[in-house]
C-alpha cells in the first residue's frame, strides 16, 4: 500500500509533500497499470478533472503536463 496518495484540495502527495502525482507515485502507477494502458490513461484523466476543480488558479497546461504529460 502506498503512502503517496493525493491530499485534496491542494493535490500534494501524502508521502513526500510534493505535487501529486510525485515521482514515486508515477513509478508505482506505471507498475500497477503495466498491462492496462487505457485504464491507466482513464484513471489519470479522471484525477485531472478533479484537480482542475480544486486547482482552478493553476494554468491548464501545467495541470495537463503534471497529470498526463509524462505518460507514454
PDB file of N, CA and C in Angstrom:
ATOM      1  N   UNK A   1       0.847  -1.181   0.000  1.00  0.00           N
ATOM      2  CA  UNK A   1       0.000   0.000   0.000  1.00  0.00           C
ATOM      3  C   UNK A   1       0.888   1.239   0.000  1.00  0.00           C
ATOM      4  N   UNK A   2       0.579   2.161  -0.837  1.00  0.00           N
ATOM      5  CA  UNK A   2       1.382   3.374  -0.960  1.00  0.00           C
ATOM      6  C   UNK A   2       0.979   4.439   0.058  1.00  0.00           C
ATOM      7  N   UNK A   3       1.930   5.252   0.408  1.00  0.00           N
ATOM      8  CA  UNK A   3       1.641   6.439   1.218  1.00  0.00           C
ATOM      9  C   UNK A   3       1.583   7.669   0.328  1.00  0.00           C
ATOM     10  N   UNK A   4       1.842   7.480  -0.953  1.00  0.00           N
ATOM     11  CA  UNK A   4       1.907   8.582  -1.910  1.00  0.00           C
ATOM     12  C   UNK A   4       0.550   8.805  -2.581  1.00  0.00           C
ATOM     13  N   UNK A   5      -0.454   9.104  -1.762  1.00  0.00           N
ATOM     14  CA  UNK A   5      -1.802   9.377  -2.255  1.00  0.00           C
ATOM     15  C   UNK A   5      -2.028  10.898  -2.259  1.00  0.00           C
ATOM     16  N   UNK A   6      -2.971  11.379  -3.060  1.00  0.00           N
ATOM     17  CA  UNK A   6      -3.191  12.829  -3.115  1.00  0.00           C
ATOM     18  C   UNK A   6      -3.906  13.356  -1.879  1.00  0.00           C
ATOM     19  N   UNK A   7      -3.427  14.468  -1.378  1.00  0.00           N
ATOM     20  CA  UNK A   7      -4.091  15.183  -0.297  1.00  0.00           C
ATOM     21  C   UNK A   7      -4.845  16.339  -0.951  1.00  0.00           C
ATOM     22  N   UNK A   8      -6.150  16.228  -0.930  1.00  0.00           N
ATOM     23  CA  UNK A   8      -7.001  17.213  -1.606  1.00  0.00           C
ATOM     24  C   UNK A   8      -7.463  18.260  -0.602  1.00  0.00           C
ATOM     25  N   UNK A   9      -7.715  19.456  -0.979  1.00  0.00           N
ATOM     26  CA  UNK A   9      -7.825  20.017  -2.315  1.00  0.00           C
ATOM     27  C   UNK A   9      -6.516  20.572  -2.871  1.00  0.00           C
ATOM     28  N   UNK A  10      -5.407  20.466  -2.125  1.00  0.00           N
ATOM     29  CA  UNK A  10      -4.146  21.024  -2.618  1.00  0.00           C
ATOM     30  C   UNK A  10      -3.447  20.111  -3.623  1.00  0.00           C
ATOM     31  N   UNK A  11      -3.831  18.848  -3.683  1.00  0.00           N
ATOM     32  CA  UNK A  11      -3.230  17.863  -4.571  1.00  0.00           C
ATOM     33  C   UNK A  11      -1.730  17.748  -4.332  1.00  0.00           C
ATOM     34  N   UNK A  12      -1.375  17.683  -3.055  1.00  0.00           N
ATOM     35  CA  UNK A  12       0.001  17.391  -2.688  1.00  0.00           C
ATOM     36  C   UNK A  12       0.088  15.912  -2.330  1.00  0.00           C
ATOM     37  N   UNK A  13       1.287  15.388  -2.295  1.00  0.00           N
ATOM     38  CA  UNK A  13       1.500  13.980  -2.021  1.00  0.00           C
ATOM     39  C   UNK A  13       1.538  13.725  -0.525  1.00  0.00           C
ATOM     40  N   UNK A  14       0.791  12.734  -0.082  1.00  0.00           N
ATOM     41  CA  UNK A  14       0.765  12.372   1.326  1.00  0.00           C
ATOM     42  C   UNK A  14       2.049  11.721   1.807  1.00  0.00           C
ATOM     43  N   UNK A  15       2.875  11.249   0.879  1.00  0.00           N
ATOM     44  CA  UNK A  15       4.112  10.581   1.252  1.00  0.00           C
ATOM     45  C   UNK A  15       5.321  11.481   1.293  1.00  0.00           C
ATOM     46  N   UNK A  16       5.366  12.459   0.388  1.00  0.00           N
ATOM     47  CA  UNK A  16       6.570  13.299   0.293  1.00  0.00           C
ATOM     48  C   UNK A  16       6.267  14.794   0.240  1.00  0.00           C
ATOM     49  N   UNK A  17       5.012  15.167   0.214  1.00  0.00           N
ATOM     50  CA  UNK A  17       4.549  16.560   0.197  1.00  0.00           C
ATOM     51  C   UNK A  17       4.829  17.302  -1.102  1.00  0.00           C
ATOM     52  N   UNK A  18       5.250  16.599  -2.135  1.00  0.00           N
ATOM     53  CA  UNK A  18       5.428  17.221  -3.442  1.00  0.00           C
ATOM     54  C   UNK A  18       4.110  17.308  -4.192  1.00  0.00           C
ATOM     55  N   UNK A  19       4.167  17.778  -5.422  1.00  0.00           N
ATOM     56  CA  UNK A  19       2.967  17.797  -6.260  1.00  0.00           C
ATOM     57  C   UNK A  19       2.581  16.360  -6.585  1.00  0.00           C
ATOM     58  N   UNK A  20       1.273  16.075  -6.452  1.00  0.00           N
ATOM     59  CA  UNK A  20       0.804  14.735  -6.798  1.00  0.00           C
ATOM     60  C   UNK A  20       0.401  14.698  -8.257  1.00  0.00           C
ATOM     61  N   UNK A  21       0.734  13.689  -9.035  1.00  0.00           N
ATOM     62  CA  UNK A  21       1.492  12.513  -8.665  1.00  0.00           C
ATOM     63  C   UNK A  21       3.000  12.797  -8.635  1.00  0.00           C
ATOM     64  N   UNK A  22       3.610  12.466  -7.529  1.00  0.00           N
ATOM     65  CA  UNK A  22       5.051  12.654  -7.370  1.00  0.00           C
ATOM     66  C   UNK A  22       5.787  11.574  -8.175  1.00  0.00           C
ATOM     67  N   UNK A  23       7.089  11.670  -8.223  1.00  0.00           N
ATOM     68  CA  UNK A  23       7.870  10.700  -8.991  1.00  0.00           C
ATOM     69  C   UNK A  23       7.680   9.276  -8.480  1.00  0.00           C
ATOM     70  N   UNK A  24       7.638   9.113  -7.174  1.00  0.00           N
ATOM     71  CA  UNK A  24       7.435   7.772  -6.609  1.00  0.00           C
ATOM     72  C   UNK A  24       6.086   7.212  -7.025  1.00  0.00           C
ATOM     73  N   UNK A  25       5.035   8.025  -6.925  1.00  0.00           N
ATOM     74  CA  UNK A  25       3.696   7.541  -7.292  1.00  0.00           C
ATOM     75  C   UNK A  25       3.608   7.253  -8.778  1.00  0.00           C
ATOM     76  N   UNK A  26       4.312   8.026  -9.582  1.00  0.00           N
ATOM     77  CA  UNK A  26       4.327   7.748 -11.029  1.00  0.00           C
ATOM     78  C   UNK A  26       4.892   6.366 -11.312  1.00  0.00           C
ATOM     79  N   UNK A  27       5.991   6.025 -10.635  1.00  0.00           N
ATOM     80  CA  UNK A  27       6.581   4.690 -10.812  1.00  0.00           C
ATOM     81  C   UNK A  27       5.615   3.613 -10.329  1.00  0.00           C
ATOM     82  N   UNK A  28       4.971   3.864  -9.214  1.00  0.00           N
ATOM     83  CA  UNK A  28       4.002   2.901  -8.691  1.00  0.00           C
ATOM     84  C   UNK A  28       2.830   2.712  -9.641  1.00  0.00           C
ATOM     85  N   UNK A  29       2.324   3.805 -10.173  1.00  0.00           N
ATOM     86  CA  UNK A  29       1.197   3.722 -11.108  1.00  0.00           C
ATOM     87  C   UNK A  29       1.586   2.993 -12.383  1.00  0.00           C
ATOM     88  N   UNK A  30       2.786   3.260 -12.889  1.00  0.00           N
ATOM     89  CA  UNK A  30       3.250   2.538 -14.086  1.00  0.00           C
ATOM     90  C   UNK A  30       3.250   1.036 -13.831  1.00  0.00           C
ATOM     91  N   UNK A  31       3.711   0.637 -12.660  1.00  0.00           N
ATOM     92  CA  UNK A  31       3.743  -0.797 -12.322  1.00  0.00           C
ATOM     93  C   UNK A  31       2.326  -1.353 -12.152  1.00  0.00           C
ATOM     94  N   UNK A  32       1.456  -0.611 -11.485  1.00  0.00           N
ATOM     95  CA  UNK A  32       0.086  -1.069 -11.248  1.00  0.00           C
ATOM     96  C   UNK A  32      -0.694  -1.260 -12.547  1.00  0.00           C
ATOM     97  N   UNK A  33      -0.498  -0.363 -13.489  1.00  0.00           N
ATOM     98  CA  UNK A  33      -1.252  -0.374 -14.738  1.00  0.00           C
ATOM     99  C   UNK A  33      -0.424  -0.881 -15.916  1.00  0.00           C
ATOM    100  N   UNK A  34       0.597  -1.667 -15.630  1.00  0.00           N
ATOM    101  CA  UNK A  34       1.522  -2.142 -16.653  1.00  0.00           C
ATOM    102  C   UNK A  34       0.820  -2.785 -17.845  1.00  0.00           C
ATOM    103  N   UNK A  35      -0.177  -3.568 -17.598  1.00  0.00           N
ATOM    104  CA  UNK A  35      -0.869  -4.284 -18.682  1.00  0.00           C
ATOM    105  C   UNK A  35      -2.240  -3.695 -19.010  1.00  0.00           C
ATOM    106  N   UNK A  36      -2.476  -2.487 -18.554  1.00  0.00           N
ATOM    107  CA  UNK A  36      -3.771  -1.843 -18.790  1.00  0.00           C
ATOM    108  C   UNK A  36      -3.592  -0.365 -19.126  1.00  0.00           C
ATOM    109  N   UNK A  37      -2.975  -0.060 -20.269  1.00  0.00           N
ATOM    110  CA  UNK A  37      -2.670   1.339 -20.592  1.00  0.00           C
ATOM    111  C   UNK A  37      -3.899   2.234 -20.755  1.00  0.00           C
ATOM    112  N   UNK A  38      -4.994   1.700 -21.250  1.00  0.00           N
ATOM    113  CA  UNK A  38      -6.200   2.515 -21.407  1.00  0.00           C
ATOM    114  C   UNK A  38      -6.773   2.846 -20.028  1.00  0.00           C
ATOM    115  N   UNK A  39      -6.826   1.874 -19.158  1.00  0.00           N
ATOM    116  CA  UNK A  39      -7.304   2.125 -17.794  1.00  0.00           C
ATOM    117  C   UNK A  39      -6.402   3.127 -17.079  1.00  0.00           C
ATOM    118  N   UNK A  40      -5.117   3.036 -17.315  1.00  0.00           N
ATOM    119  CA  UNK A  40      -4.144   3.971 -16.747  1.00  0.00           C
ATOM    120  C   UNK A  40      -4.454   5.398 -17.189  1.00  0.00           C
ATOM    121  N   UNK A  41      -4.643   5.587 -18.476  1.00  0.00           N
ATOM    122  CA  UNK A  41      -4.947   6.918 -19.008  1.00  0.00           C
ATOM    123  C   UNK A  41      -6.280   7.436 -18.481  1.00  0.00           C
ATOM    124  N   UNK A  42      -7.276   6.567 -18.405  1.00  0.00           N
ATOM    125  CA  UNK A  42      -8.586   6.984 -17.889  1.00  0.00           C
ATOM    126  C   UNK A  42      -8.509   7.365 -16.415  1.00  0.00           C
ATOM    127  N   UNK A  43      -7.755   6.616 -15.628  1.00  0.00           N
ATOM    128  CA  UNK A  43      -7.587   6.942 -14.213  1.00  0.00           C
ATOM    129  C   UNK A  43      -6.946   8.327 -14.060  1.00  0.00           C
ATOM    130  N   UNK A  44      -5.861   8.558 -14.784  1.00  0.00           N
ATOM    131  CA  UNK A  44      -5.183   9.854 -14.672  1.00  0.00           C
ATOM    132  C   UNK A  44      -6.053  10.990 -15.203  1.00  0.00           C
ATOM    133  N   UNK A  45      -6.815  10.742 -16.250  1.00  0.00           N
ATOM    134  CA  UNK A  45      -7.714  11.771 -16.771  1.00  0.00           C
ATOM    135  C   UNK A  45      -8.777  12.126 -15.739  1.00  0.00           C
ATOM    136  N   UNK A  46      -9.294  11.136 -15.052  1.00  0.00           N
ATOM    137  CA  UNK A  46     -10.283  11.398 -14.004  1.00  0.00           C
ATOM    138  C   UNK A  46      -9.661  12.206 -12.866  1.00  0.00           C
ATOM    139  N   UNK A  47      -8.420  11.897 -12.518  1.00  0.00           N
ATOM    140  CA  UNK A  47      -7.729  12.666 -11.485  1.00  0.00           C
ATOM    141  C   UNK A  47      -7.511  14.106 -11.944  1.00  0.00           C
ATOM    142  N   UNK A  48      -7.185  14.281 -13.214  1.00  0.00           N
ATOM    143  CA  UNK A  48      -7.015  15.620 -13.781  1.00  0.00           C
ATOM    144  C   UNK A  48      -8.299  16.437 -13.673  1.00  0.00           C
ATOM    145  N   UNK A  49      -9.422  15.821 -13.974  1.00  0.00           N
ATOM    146  CA  UNK A  49     -10.710  16.518 -13.879  1.00  0.00           C
ATOM    147  C   UNK A  49     -10.951  16.990 -12.448  1.00  0.00           C
ATOM    148  N   UNK A  50     -10.706  16.124 -11.482  1.00  0.00           N
ATOM    149  CA  UNK A  50     -10.866  16.518 -10.087  1.00  0.00           C
ATOM    150  C   UNK A  50      -9.924  17.639  -9.699  1.00  0.00           C
ATOM    151  N   UNK A  51      -8.703  17.560 -10.166  1.00  0.00           N
ATOM    152  CA  UNK A  51      -7.709  18.586  -9.829  1.00  0.00           C
ATOM    153  C   UNK A  51      -8.055  19.929 -10.452  1.00  0.00           C
ATOM    154  N   UNK A  52      -8.617  19.936 -11.648  1.00  0.00           N
ATOM    155  CA  UNK A  52      -8.963  21.219 -12.278  1.00  0.00           C
ATOM    156  C   UNK A  52     -10.031  21.954 -11.482  1.00  0.00           C
ATOM    157  N   UNK A  53     -10.886  21.214 -10.809  1.00  0.00           N
ATOM    158  CA  UNK A  53     -11.909  21.850  -9.972  1.00  0.00           C
ATOM    159  C   UNK A  53     -11.286  22.452  -8.718  1.00  0.00           C
ATOM    160  N   UNK A  54     -10.347  21.728  -8.121  1.00  0.00           N
ATOM    161  CA  UNK A  54      -9.709  22.211  -6.894  1.00  0.00           C
ATOM    162  C   UNK A  54      -8.607  23.235  -7.142  1.00  0.00           C
ATOM    163  N   UNK A  55      -7.953  23.140  -8.291  1.00  0.00           N
ATOM    164  CA  UNK A  55      -6.805  23.997  -8.593  1.00  0.00           C
ATOM    165  C   UNK A  55      -7.109  24.932  -9.762  1.00  0.00           C
ATOM    166  N   UNK A  56      -8.230  25.600  -9.692  1.00  0.00           N
ATOM    167  CA  UNK A  56      -8.671  26.480 -10.784  1.00  0.00           C
ATOM    168  C   UNK A  56      -7.672  27.597 -11.069  1.00  0.00           C
ATOM    169  N   UNK A  57      -6.853  27.949 -10.106  1.00  0.00           N
ATOM    170  CA  UNK A  57      -5.871  29.023 -10.270  1.00  0.00           C
ATOM    171  C   UNK A  57      -4.597  28.571 -11.000  1.00  0.00           C
ATOM    172  N   UNK A  58      -4.424  27.262 -11.182  1.00  0.00           N
ATOM    173  CA  UNK A  58      -3.234  26.723 -11.847  1.00  0.00           C
ATOM    174  C   UNK A  58      -3.504  26.645 -13.350  1.00  0.00           C
ATOM    175  N   UNK A  59      -2.568  27.103 -14.187  1.00  0.00           N
ATOM    176  CA  UNK A  59      -2.781  27.050 -15.635  1.00  0.00           C
ATOM    177  C   UNK A  59      -3.065  25.616 -16.127  1.00  0.00           C
ATOM    178  N   UNK A  60      -3.993  25.519 -17.051  1.00  0.00           N
ATOM    179  CA  UNK A  60      -4.412  24.215 -17.572  1.00  0.00           C
ATOM    180  C   UNK A  60      -3.244  23.433 -18.163  1.00  0.00           C
ATOM    181  N   UNK A  61      -2.329  24.120 -18.831  1.00  0.00           N
ATOM    182  CA  UNK A  61      -1.173  23.445 -19.420  1.00  0.00           C
ATOM    183  C   UNK A  61      -0.299  22.784 -18.372  1.00  0.00           C
ATOM    184  N   UNK A  62      -0.144  23.432 -17.237  1.00  0.00           N
ATOM    185  CA  UNK A  62       0.655  22.852 -16.158  1.00  0.00           C
ATOM    186  C   UNK A  62      -0.032  21.599 -15.612  1.00  0.00           C
ATOM    187  N   UNK A  63      -1.331  21.677 -15.407  1.00  0.00           N
ATOM    188  CA  UNK A  63      -2.056  20.514 -14.894  1.00  0.00           C
ATOM    189  C   UNK A  63      -2.020  19.348 -15.880  1.00  0.00           C
ATOM    190  N   UNK A  64      -2.160  19.651 -17.165  1.00  0.00           N
ATOM    191  CA  UNK A  64      -2.095  18.596 -18.180  1.00  0.00           C
ATOM    192  C   UNK A  64      -0.733  17.914 -18.136  1.00  0.00           C
ATOM    193  N   UNK A  65       0.322  18.709 -18.095  1.00  0.00           N
ATOM    194  CA  UNK A  65       1.674  18.139 -18.036  1.00  0.00           C
ATOM    195  C   UNK A  65       1.860  17.313 -16.759  1.00  0.00           C
ATOM    196  N   UNK A  66       1.374  17.823 -15.662  1.00  0.00           N
ATOM    197  CA  UNK A  66       1.520  17.170 -14.360  1.00  0.00           C
ATOM    198  C   UNK A  66       0.791  15.835 -14.292  1.00  0.00           C
ATOM    199  N   UNK A  67      -0.414  15.759 -14.850  1.00  0.00           N
ATOM    200  CA  UNK A  67      -1.219  14.547 -14.737  1.00  0.00           C
ATOM    201  C   UNK A  67      -1.104  13.612 -15.938  1.00  0.00           C
ATOM    202  N   UNK A  68      -0.928  14.154 -17.122  1.00  0.00           N
ATOM    203  CA  UNK A  68      -0.924  13.299 -18.314  1.00  0.00           C
ATOM    204  C   UNK A  68       0.328  13.420 -19.174  1.00  0.00           C
ATOM    205  N   UNK A  69       1.041  14.514 -19.075  1.00  0.00           N
ATOM    206  CA  UNK A  69       2.170  14.769 -19.964  1.00  0.00           C
ATOM    207  C   UNK A  69       3.327  13.796 -19.827  1.00  0.00           C
ATOM    208  N   UNK A  70       3.425  13.096 -18.740  1.00  0.00           N
ATOM    209  CA  UNK A  70       4.525  12.157 -18.508  1.00  0.00           C
ATOM    210  C   UNK A  70       4.191  10.737 -18.940  1.00  0.00           C
ATOM    211  N   UNK A  71       2.953  10.491 -19.342  1.00  0.00           N
ATOM    212  CA  UNK A  71       2.519   9.140 -19.731  1.00  0.00           C
ATOM    213  C   UNK A  71       2.834   8.915 -21.196  1.00  0.00           C
ATOM    214  N   UNK A  72       3.410   7.777 -21.475  1.00  0.00           N
ATOM    215  CA  UNK A  72       3.714   7.419 -22.866  1.00  0.00           C
ATOM    216  C   UNK A  72       2.967   6.172 -23.242  1.00  0.00           C
TER     217      UNK A  72
END
